Amino acid sequence: MATHSEVTSRPSAAGALERRGGPAEAPVRPPVDIYEDDEGITLCADMPGVSKDRLELRVEANTLILEGTARLDLPENAEALYADVRSNTYRRTFALSGELETGKIDANLKDGVLTVRIPKRSEVRPRRIEVRAG
């Protein structure tokens, strides 16, 4: 019987962040693609402007938390006049199935795309059983 690992997106429950005495900004929920194969789950999150040192990825209980802060550098003497995005903070949480090995998570950030690979526990991975004749 095939199993199906579960990764459930949850709305962010974090409070808004205060910025330099100004109004609070709500974090942006980055778009995420999720893929499953026999070996595990892969999440690809679009987080443009986030560098490795401004990214936090952690697991608390059975929840995966992605947080990052984008830094948009302007040329010297330039001033931003308009921005489609009002927050430079990304946050997304996912409930993880017990079938996943959270201790073996692998993450890579390249060109603003965070790729997170979470393997399935070996006991829930499909395996081929060899049948001997005789």
Protein backbone atom coordinates (compact mmCIF):
# COMPACT_ATOMS: atom_id res chain seq x y z
CA MET A 1 0.00 0.00 0.00
CA ALA A 2 1.41 3.39 -0.92
CA THR A 3 1.88 6.02 1.73
CA HIS A 4 1.50 9.73 1.31
CA SER A 5 3.58 12.12 3.39
CA GLU A 6 1.85 15.20 4.63
CA VAL A 7 3.18 18.73 4.51
CA THR A 8 0.45 21.20 5.37
CA SER A 9 0.82 24.93 4.94
CA ARG A 10 -0.40 26.97 7.88
CA PRO A 11 -1.17 30.68 7.89
CA SER A 12 1.47 32.57 9.80
CA ALA A 13 0.53 32.98 13.45
CA ALA A 14 3.49 35.20 14.24
CA GLY A 15 2.86 38.71 15.45
CA ALA A 16 3.84 41.59 13.25
CA LEU A 17 7.35 42.98 13.62
CA GLU A 18 8.03 46.51 14.79
CA ARG A 19 10.42 48.49 12.59
CA ARG A 20 12.31 51.51 14.00
CA GLY A 21 9.33 52.84 15.90
CA GLY A 22 7.12 52.81 12.81
CA PRO A 23 3.98 50.80 12.11
CA ALA A 24 4.16 47.02 12.22
CA GLU A 25 4.63 45.12 8.96
CA ALA A 26 2.95 41.81 8.27
CA PRO A 27 5.35 39.22 6.80
CA VAL A 28 4.90 38.14 3.19
CA ARG A 29 3.98 34.48 2.56
CA PRO A 30 6.44 33.37 -0.12
CA PRO A 31 5.02 31.15 -2.86
CA VAL A 32 6.11 27.53 -2.36
CA ASP A 33 6.05 24.50 -4.67
CA ILE A 34 6.03 21.10 -2.93
CA TYR A 35 7.04 17.83 -4.60
CA GLU A 36 6.99 14.28 -3.26
CA ASP A 37 8.85 11.21 -4.50
CA ASP A 38 9.64 7.81 -2.98
CA GLU A 39 12.58 9.25 -1.04
CA GLY A 40 11.00 12.36 0.49
CA ILE A 41 9.56 15.85 0.11
CA THR A 42 11.09 18.86 -1.66
CA LEU A 43 9.91 22.43 -1.01
CA CYS A 44 10.94 25.30 -3.30
CA ALA A 45 10.21 28.77 -1.86
CA ASP A 46 10.62 32.01 -3.81
CA MET A 47 12.38 34.48 -1.51
CA PRO A 48 13.97 37.13 -3.74
CA GLY A 49 16.42 39.46 -2.05
CA VAL A 50 17.07 37.09 0.89
CA SER A 51 20.69 36.13 1.47
CA LYS A 52 21.93 33.13 3.46
CA ASP A 53 22.83 35.29 6.46
CA ARG A 54 19.29 36.77 6.55
CA LEU A 55 17.53 33.39 6.33
CA GLU A 56 16.37 31.21 9.20
CA LEU A 57 15.09 27.68 8.71
CA ARG A 58 14.10 25.65 11.78
CA VAL A 59 11.92 22.81 13.01
CA GLU A 60 9.90 23.16 16.21
CA ALA A 61 8.04 19.99 17.22
CA ASN A 62 6.44 18.94 13.91
CA THR A 63 6.49 22.42 12.32
CA LEU A 64 8.95 23.65 9.69
CA ILE A 65 9.44 27.43 9.86
CA LEU A 66 10.94 29.50 7.02
CA GLU A 67 11.84 33.12 7.81
CA GLY A 68 13.91 35.57 5.84
CA THR A 69 14.54 39.26 5.41
CA ALA A 70 15.09 40.71 1.96
CA ARG A 71 17.65 43.41 1.48
CA LEU A 72 17.25 45.53 -1.60
CA ASP A 73 20.31 47.64 -2.26
CA LEU A 74 19.73 50.96 -3.99
CA PRO A 75 22.43 52.83 -5.85
CA GLU A 76 24.09 55.63 -3.90
CA ASN A 77 21.98 58.82 -3.74
CA ALA A 78 18.89 56.92 -4.98
CA GLU A 79 15.56 56.99 -3.16
CA ALA A 80 12.75 54.44 -3.52
CA LEU A 81 9.60 56.18 -4.76
CA TYR A 82 7.32 53.19 -5.13
CA ALA A 83 7.31 49.54 -4.02
CA ASP A 84 4.80 46.79 -4.83
CA VAL A 85 5.91 44.86 -1.75
CA ARG A 86 5.35 46.67 1.53
CA SER A 87 7.26 44.20 3.73
CA ASN A 88 10.76 42.87 3.34
CA THR A 89 10.12 39.97 5.74
CA TYR A 90 9.09 36.51 4.55
CA ARG A 91 7.53 33.87 6.83
CA ARG A 92 5.89 30.52 6.15
CA THR A 93 5.16 27.51 8.35
CA PHE A 94 4.39 23.89 7.47
CA ALA A 95 3.09 21.01 9.58
CA LEU A 96 5.29 17.96 8.96
CA SER A 97 4.16 14.34 8.88
CA GLY A 98 5.74 11.83 11.26
CA GLU A 99 6.93 9.96 8.15
CA LEU A 100 9.64 12.58 7.57
CA GLU A 101 13.15 12.62 9.09
CA THR A 102 13.45 16.20 10.31
CA GLY A 103 16.98 15.54 11.60
CA LYS A 104 18.23 15.04 8.03
CA ILE A 105 16.83 18.16 6.35
CA ASP A 106 19.02 19.62 3.60
CA ALA A 107 18.57 23.22 2.43
CA ASN A 108 20.06 25.26 -0.40
CA LEU A 109 19.55 28.93 -1.33
CA LYS A 110 20.35 29.95 -4.89
CA ASP A 111 19.18 32.97 -6.90
CA GLY A 112 16.39 33.79 -4.41
CA VAL A 113 14.97 30.25 -4.38
CA LEU A 114 15.20 28.22 -1.18
CA THR A 115 15.13 24.47 -1.83
CA VAL A 116 14.47 22.27 1.21
CA ARG A 117 14.76 18.48 0.98
CA ILE A 118 13.20 16.39 3.78
CA PRO A 119 13.77 12.64 3.47
CA LYS A 120 11.20 10.05 4.47
CA ARG A 121 12.06 7.66 7.28
CA SER A 122 13.59 4.50 5.85
CA GLU A 123 10.84 2.28 7.26
CA VAL A 124 8.14 4.11 5.23
CA ARG A 125 10.05 4.25 1.93
CA PRO A 126 8.92 1.75 -0.68
CA ARG A 127 11.35 -1.09 -1.11
CA ARG A 128 11.61 -3.97 -3.51
CA ILE A 129 11.55 -7.46 -2.04
CA GLU A 130 13.49 -10.04 -3.97
CA VAL A 131 11.78 -13.40 -4.37
CA ARG A 132 14.02 -16.46 -4.62
CA ALA A 133 13.06 -19.58 -6.56
CA GLY A 134 13.24 -22.95 -4.89
